[in-house]
Every structure is written in structure tokens, then in C-alpha cells.
Amino acid sequence: MTAELRIEPDELKTVAAELKPLAKELQEMAKKLKTVIGNHTTTTDALQPVVGNLERLSVEMKPADGNRTTEADEPITVIR
């Protein structure tokens, strides 16, 4: 089975005119996505020193018996 598709030049202009706004909308979406990714990366980078400080801190904990300790009874796990 063979199919032939013929598009006249004036139809091409119509299709191109319809695609132009879609292309512009895609460019805007791409810019927004790039901004979101950039903001996420910036936020993650900015939080790294905070996470590092939390990992190094000795935490004052109050065990179930009510006695306060100056260091954690168990290691602290930081999930990233």
C-alpha cells in the first residue's frame, strides 16, 4: 500500500503560522523549567553548610528516664 501526501505552499504557510505560537509557548515553558531547576540547585547548594553543621553538632537529648545528657545516646542520621 502506498500513500502520497501533497501539501501546497499556501498550506505550508498556514501550518507554519499555527506552529509559531506553539514554539513560542514551548520556549517560555523551557525558560520556566530552567529557572525552577536553577532555583532547586541554588537552594540545595545553600543548604549544604547547614546540613554539615547539623551533622557536626552534639545534640542535647532528654532520655525517657528524664535525665538530660549533653550528647546523643544514639548516632544521628541525616537523610539527604
C-alpha atoms as a PDB file:
ATOM      1  CA  MET A   1       0.000   0.000   0.000  1.00  0.00           C
ATOM      2  CA  THR A   2       1.345   3.383  -0.996  1.00  0.00           C
ATOM      3  CA  ALA A   3       0.156   6.743   0.238  1.00  0.00           C
ATOM      4  CA  GLU A   4       1.009  10.111  -1.157  1.00  0.00           C
ATOM      5  CA  LEU A   5       0.834  13.335   0.800  1.00  0.00           C
ATOM      6  CA  ARG A   6       0.690  16.587  -1.067  1.00  0.00           C
ATOM      7  CA  ILE A   7       0.889  19.887   0.753  1.00  0.00           C
ATOM      8  CA  GLU A   8       0.521  23.010  -1.251  1.00  0.00           C
ATOM      9  CA  PRO A   9       2.802  26.000  -0.481  1.00  0.00           C
ATOM     10  CA  ASP A  10      -0.078  28.103   0.831  1.00  0.00           C
ATOM     11  CA  GLU A  11      -0.966  25.274   3.246  1.00  0.00           C
ATOM     12  CA  LEU A  12       2.622  25.239   4.499  1.00  0.00           C
ATOM     13  CA  LYS A  13       2.322  28.906   5.373  1.00  0.00           C
ATOM     14  CA  THR A  14      -0.851  28.181   7.336  1.00  0.00           C
ATOM     15  CA  VAL A  15       0.758  25.308   9.236  1.00  0.00           C
ATOM     16  CA  ALA A  16       3.864  27.410   9.968  1.00  0.00           C
ATOM     17  CA  ALA A  17       1.680  30.250  11.220  1.00  0.00           C
ATOM     18  CA  GLU A  18      -0.119  27.837  13.571  1.00  0.00           C
ATOM     19  CA  LEU A  19       3.142  26.351  14.842  1.00  0.00           C
ATOM     20  CA  LYS A  20       4.760  29.716  15.620  1.00  0.00           C
ATOM     21  CA  PRO A  21       2.707  30.416  18.777  1.00  0.00           C
ATOM     22  CA  LEU A  22       3.263  26.830  19.945  1.00  0.00           C
ATOM     23  CA  ALA A  23       7.011  27.210  19.500  1.00  0.00           C
ATOM     24  CA  LYS A  24       6.937  30.435  21.497  1.00  0.00           C
ATOM     25  CA  GLU A  25       4.924  28.747  24.255  1.00  0.00           C
ATOM     26  CA  LEU A  26       7.443  25.883  24.374  1.00  0.00           C
ATOM     27  CA  GLN A  27      10.298  28.383  24.696  1.00  0.00           C
ATOM     28  CA  GLU A  28       8.530  30.048  27.639  1.00  0.00           C
ATOM     29  CA  MET A  29       7.995  26.672  29.299  1.00  0.00           C
ATOM     30  CA  ALA A  30      11.659  25.810  28.795  1.00  0.00           C
ATOM     31  CA  LYS A  31      12.707  29.101  30.430  1.00  0.00           C
ATOM     32  CA  LYS A  32      10.433  28.438  33.413  1.00  0.00           C
ATOM     33  CA  LEU A  33      11.757  24.902  33.784  1.00  0.00           C
ATOM     34  CA  LYS A  34      15.340  26.148  33.641  1.00  0.00           C
ATOM     35  CA  THR A  35      14.514  28.687  36.362  1.00  0.00           C
ATOM     36  CA  VAL A  36      12.937  26.018  38.572  1.00  0.00           C
ATOM     37  CA  ILE A  37      15.930  23.722  38.126  1.00  0.00           C
ATOM     38  CA  GLY A  38      18.315  26.608  38.807  1.00  0.00           C
ATOM     39  CA  ASN A  39      16.431  27.588  41.963  1.00  0.00           C
ATOM     40  CA  HIS A  40      16.457  23.988  43.199  1.00  0.00           C
ATOM     41  CA  THR A  41      20.196  23.696  42.613  1.00  0.00           C
ATOM     42  CA  THR A  42      20.826  27.029  44.340  1.00  0.00           C
ATOM     43  CA  THR A  43      18.682  26.037  47.325  1.00  0.00           C
ATOM     44  CA  THR A  44      20.395  22.654  47.617  1.00  0.00           C
ATOM     45  CA  ASP A  45      23.829  24.273  47.460  1.00  0.00           C
ATOM     46  CA  ALA A  46      22.823  26.862  50.050  1.00  0.00           C
ATOM     47  CA  LEU A  47      21.613  24.172  52.457  1.00  0.00           C
ATOM     48  CA  GLN A  48      24.794  22.071  52.299  1.00  0.00           C
ATOM     49  CA  PRO A  49      26.638  24.074  55.016  1.00  0.00           C
ATOM     50  CA  VAL A  50      23.566  23.858  57.263  1.00  0.00           C
ATOM     51  CA  VAL A  51      23.415  20.075  56.830  1.00  0.00           C
ATOM     52  CA  GLY A  52      27.141  19.875  57.522  1.00  0.00           C
ATOM     53  CA  ASN A  53      26.731  21.889  60.732  1.00  0.00           C
ATOM     54  CA  LEU A  54      23.864  19.681  61.853  1.00  0.00           C
ATOM     55  CA  GLU A  55      25.984  16.604  61.279  1.00  0.00           C
ATOM     56  CA  ARG A  56      28.745  18.039  63.494  1.00  0.00           C
ATOM     57  CA  LEU A  57      26.603  19.301  66.336  1.00  0.00           C
ATOM     58  CA  SER A  58      26.348  17.315  69.519  1.00  0.00           C
ATOM     59  CA  VAL A  59      22.704  17.286  70.429  1.00  0.00           C
ATOM     60  CA  GLU A  60      21.297  17.629  73.918  1.00  0.00           C
ATOM     61  CA  MET A  61      18.692  14.948  74.332  1.00  0.00           C
ATOM     62  CA  LYS A  62      16.301  14.082  77.134  1.00  0.00           C
ATOM     63  CA  PRO A  63      16.031  10.298  77.532  1.00  0.00           C
ATOM     64  CA  ALA A  64      12.886   8.553  78.740  1.00  0.00           C
ATOM     65  CA  ASP A  65      14.127   8.491  82.378  1.00  0.00           C
ATOM     66  CA  GLY A  66      14.149  12.298  82.458  1.00  0.00           C
ATOM     67  CA  ASN A  67      17.912  12.743  82.846  1.00  0.00           C
ATOM     68  CA  ARG A  68      19.445  15.201  80.420  1.00  0.00           C
ATOM     69  CA  THR A  69      22.600  14.290  78.590  1.00  0.00           C
ATOM     70  CA  THR A  70      24.960  16.580  76.726  1.00  0.00           C
ATOM     71  CA  GLU A  71      25.492  14.197  73.846  1.00  0.00           C
ATOM     72  CA  ALA A  72      23.185  11.996  71.870  1.00  0.00           C
ATOM     73  CA  ASP A  73      22.731   8.484  73.219  1.00  0.00           C
ATOM     74  CA  GLU A  74      22.459   7.230  69.657  1.00  0.00           C
ATOM     75  CA  PRO A  75      24.083   8.456  66.477  1.00  0.00           C
ATOM     76  CA  ILE A  76      22.129  10.989  64.464  1.00  0.00           C
ATOM     77  CA  THR A  77      21.275  10.032  60.915  1.00  0.00           C
ATOM     78  CA  VAL A  78      20.933  12.843  58.422  1.00  0.00           C
ATOM     79  CA  ILE A  79      18.962  11.881  55.335  1.00  0.00           C
ATOM     80  CA  ARG A  80      19.708  13.848  52.180  1.00  0.00           C
END
